[in-house]
Amino acid sequence: MKLDDGSKVPAKVFFHEEQYDPKNKTFTGYIVLPSTFKNTQTAKYTVKFDDKITRIIGGYIQTFGSTGGVVDSGILTNFGTDSRNSLVYNRISQSPTNPQ
């Protein structure tokens, strides 16, 4: 896959402006690409977790073009059930480090 300018899609992208609402168990964060991909440069992820934060139960992605206008917005369904078409969440428990 390539970005609209012909450059490679980054191997990793990180969230920016992350926020977590513990009362509602909702994460919000933005991903910003170095160039547009299918006319999208920024994507806002809103992810709703279950009460134990073990699975995603809802959410959506809102995408923005390089000028900041909304490109598309859609509700994501079937989280975690089909990794080809949905957002999959894997909770990683970090083990304590050995300070040697």
C-alpha atoms as a PDB file:
ATOM      1  CA  MET A   1       0.000   0.000   0.000  1.00  0.00           C
ATOM      2  CA  LYS A   2       1.075   3.527  -0.684  1.00  0.00           C
ATOM      3  CA  LEU A   3      -0.010   6.957   0.432  1.00  0.00           C
ATOM      4  CA  ASP A   4      -1.636   9.232  -2.148  1.00  0.00           C
ATOM      5  CA  ASP A   5       1.741  10.900  -2.868  1.00  0.00           C
ATOM      6  CA  GLY A   6       3.292   7.506  -3.712  1.00  0.00           C
ATOM      7  CA  SER A   7       5.317   7.120  -0.495  1.00  0.00           C
ATOM      8  CA  LYS A   8       5.070   4.029   1.691  1.00  0.00           C
ATOM      9  CA  VAL A   9       2.456   3.754   4.417  1.00  0.00           C
ATOM     10  CA  PRO A  10       4.308   3.958   7.764  1.00  0.00           C
ATOM     11  CA  ALA A  11       4.866   0.611   9.483  1.00  0.00           C
ATOM     12  CA  LYS A  12       3.590   2.150  12.739  1.00  0.00           C
ATOM     13  CA  VAL A  13       1.554   5.196  13.585  1.00  0.00           C
ATOM     14  CA  PHE A  14       0.921   6.469  17.076  1.00  0.00           C
ATOM     15  CA  PHE A  15      -2.052   8.163  18.668  1.00  0.00           C
ATOM     16  CA  HIS A  16      -1.911  11.882  19.414  1.00  0.00           C
ATOM     17  CA  GLU A  17      -4.057  13.890  21.828  1.00  0.00           C
ATOM     18  CA  GLU A  18      -5.072  10.700  23.614  1.00  0.00           C
ATOM     19  CA  GLN A  19      -7.802  10.932  26.209  1.00  0.00           C
ATOM     20  CA  TYR A  20      -9.376   8.282  28.371  1.00  0.00           C
ATOM     21  CA  ASP A  21     -12.655   8.762  30.219  1.00  0.00           C
ATOM     22  CA  PRO A  22     -12.611   6.190  33.055  1.00  0.00           C
ATOM     23  CA  LYS A  23     -16.238   6.815  34.005  1.00  0.00           C
ATOM     24  CA  ASN A  24     -17.494   5.950  30.513  1.00  0.00           C
ATOM     25  CA  LYS A  25     -14.579   3.602  29.642  1.00  0.00           C
ATOM     26  CA  THR A  26     -13.974   5.519  26.415  1.00  0.00           C
ATOM     27  CA  PHE A  27     -10.671   6.200  24.640  1.00  0.00           C
ATOM     28  CA  THR A  28     -10.265   8.969  22.071  1.00  0.00           C
ATOM     29  CA  GLY A  29      -7.150   9.640  20.022  1.00  0.00           C
ATOM     30  CA  TYR A  30      -5.989  10.922  16.653  1.00  0.00           C
ATOM     31  CA  ILE A  31      -3.729   9.276  14.082  1.00  0.00           C
ATOM     32  CA  VAL A  32      -1.984  11.655  11.682  1.00  0.00           C
ATOM     33  CA  LEU A  33      -0.337  10.357   8.493  1.00  0.00           C
ATOM     34  CA  PRO A  34       2.589  12.135   6.787  1.00  0.00           C
ATOM     35  CA  SER A  35       0.478  12.397   3.605  1.00  0.00           C
ATOM     36  CA  THR A  36      -3.090  11.534   2.671  1.00  0.00           C
ATOM     37  CA  PHE A  37      -4.279   7.948   2.204  1.00  0.00           C
ATOM     38  CA  LYS A  38      -7.453   7.735   0.104  1.00  0.00           C
ATOM     39  CA  ASN A  39      -7.898  11.476   0.770  1.00  0.00           C
ATOM     40  CA  THR A  40      -7.564  11.003   4.556  1.00  0.00           C
ATOM     41  CA  GLN A  41      -4.694  12.473   6.579  1.00  0.00           C
ATOM     42  CA  THR A  42      -6.113  12.397  10.108  1.00  0.00           C
ATOM     43  CA  ALA A  43      -8.397   9.886  11.770  1.00  0.00           C
ATOM     44  CA  LYS A  44     -10.126  10.348  15.119  1.00  0.00           C
ATOM     45  CA  TYR A  45     -10.742   7.065  16.917  1.00  0.00           C
ATOM     46  CA  THR A  46     -13.376   6.787  19.633  1.00  0.00           C
ATOM     47  CA  VAL A  47     -13.351   3.388  21.324  1.00  0.00           C
ATOM     48  CA  LYS A  48     -15.791   2.213  24.008  1.00  0.00           C
ATOM     49  CA  PHE A  49     -14.669  -0.628  26.312  1.00  0.00           C
ATOM     50  CA  ASP A  50     -16.682  -2.956  28.518  1.00  0.00           C
ATOM     51  CA  ASP A  51     -16.655  -2.389  32.289  1.00  0.00           C
ATOM     52  CA  LYS A  52     -13.599  -4.623  32.819  1.00  0.00           C
ATOM     53  CA  ILE A  53     -11.751  -3.110  29.847  1.00  0.00           C
ATOM     54  CA  THR A  54     -11.325  -6.573  28.354  1.00  0.00           C
ATOM     55  CA  ARG A  55     -13.049  -5.965  25.025  1.00  0.00           C
ATOM     56  CA  ILE A  56     -14.287  -3.233  22.730  1.00  0.00           C
ATOM     57  CA  ILE A  57     -18.051  -2.865  22.666  1.00  0.00           C
ATOM     58  CA  GLY A  58     -18.438   0.114  20.343  1.00  0.00           C
ATOM     59  CA  GLY A  59     -16.914   3.149  18.767  1.00  0.00           C
ATOM     60  CA  TYR A  60     -16.265   4.896  15.489  1.00  0.00           C
ATOM     61  CA  ILE A  61     -13.636   6.502  13.290  1.00  0.00           C
ATOM     62  CA  GLN A  62     -14.055   9.977  11.853  1.00  0.00           C
ATOM     63  CA  THR A  63     -11.625  10.842   9.053  1.00  0.00           C
ATOM     64  CA  PHE A  64     -10.342  14.229   7.931  1.00  0.00           C
ATOM     65  CA  GLY A  65      -8.561  15.368   4.767  1.00  0.00           C
ATOM     66  CA  SER A  66      -5.391  17.461   4.604  1.00  0.00           C
ATOM     67  CA  THR A  67      -7.416  20.685   4.864  1.00  0.00           C
ATOM     68  CA  GLY A  68      -9.256  19.478   7.979  1.00  0.00           C
ATOM     69  CA  GLY A  69     -12.630  18.803   6.355  1.00  0.00           C
ATOM     70  CA  VAL A  70     -14.502  15.624   7.268  1.00  0.00           C
ATOM     71  CA  VAL A  71     -13.908  12.895   4.684  1.00  0.00           C
ATOM     72  CA  ASP A  72     -16.031  10.114   6.128  1.00  0.00           C
ATOM     73  CA  SER A  73     -17.550   9.017   9.390  1.00  0.00           C
ATOM     74  CA  GLY A  74     -18.884   5.600  10.198  1.00  0.00           C
ATOM     75  CA  ILE A  75     -19.903   3.418  13.085  1.00  0.00           C
ATOM     76  CA  LEU A  76     -17.641   0.439  13.627  1.00  0.00           C
ATOM     77  CA  THR A  77     -19.354  -2.795  14.422  1.00  0.00           C
ATOM     78  CA  ASN A  78     -18.235  -6.326  15.236  1.00  0.00           C
ATOM     79  CA  PHE A  79     -15.125  -5.165  17.067  1.00  0.00           C
ATOM     80  CA  GLY A  80     -12.687  -7.976  17.674  1.00  0.00           C
ATOM     81  CA  THR A  81     -14.612 -10.597  15.730  1.00  0.00           C
ATOM     82  CA  ASP A  82     -13.038 -10.179  12.305  1.00  0.00           C
ATOM     83  CA  SER A  83      -9.522  -8.735  12.206  1.00  0.00           C
ATOM     84  CA  ARG A  84      -9.849  -8.036   8.471  1.00  0.00           C
ATOM     85  CA  ASN A  85     -12.671  -5.531   8.901  1.00  0.00           C
ATOM     86  CA  SER A  86     -12.668  -4.400  12.507  1.00  0.00           C
ATOM     87  CA  LEU A  87     -10.592  -2.864  15.228  1.00  0.00           C
ATOM     88  CA  VAL A  88      -9.017  -5.551  17.395  1.00  0.00           C
ATOM     89  CA  TYR A  89      -7.931  -4.875  20.981  1.00  0.00           C
ATOM     90  CA  ASN A  90      -5.308  -6.932  22.763  1.00  0.00           C
ATOM     91  CA  ARG A  91      -4.702  -5.949  26.374  1.00  0.00           C
ATOM     92  CA  ILE A  92      -1.049  -6.315  27.286  1.00  0.00           C
ATOM     93  CA  SER A  93      -0.128  -6.772  30.922  1.00  0.00           C
ATOM     94  CA  GLN A  94       3.405  -5.642  31.526  1.00  0.00           C
ATOM     95  CA  SER A  95       5.388  -7.760  33.914  1.00  0.00           C
ATOM     96  CA  PRO A  96       7.552  -5.992  36.494  1.00  0.00           C
ATOM     97  CA  THR A  97      11.082  -5.365  35.341  1.00  0.00           C
ATOM     98  CA  ASN A  98      14.060  -6.705  37.207  1.00  0.00           C
ATOM     99  CA  PRO A  99      16.278  -3.698  38.087  1.00  0.00           C
ATOM    100  CA  GLN A 100      19.667  -5.415  37.779  1.00  0.00           C
END
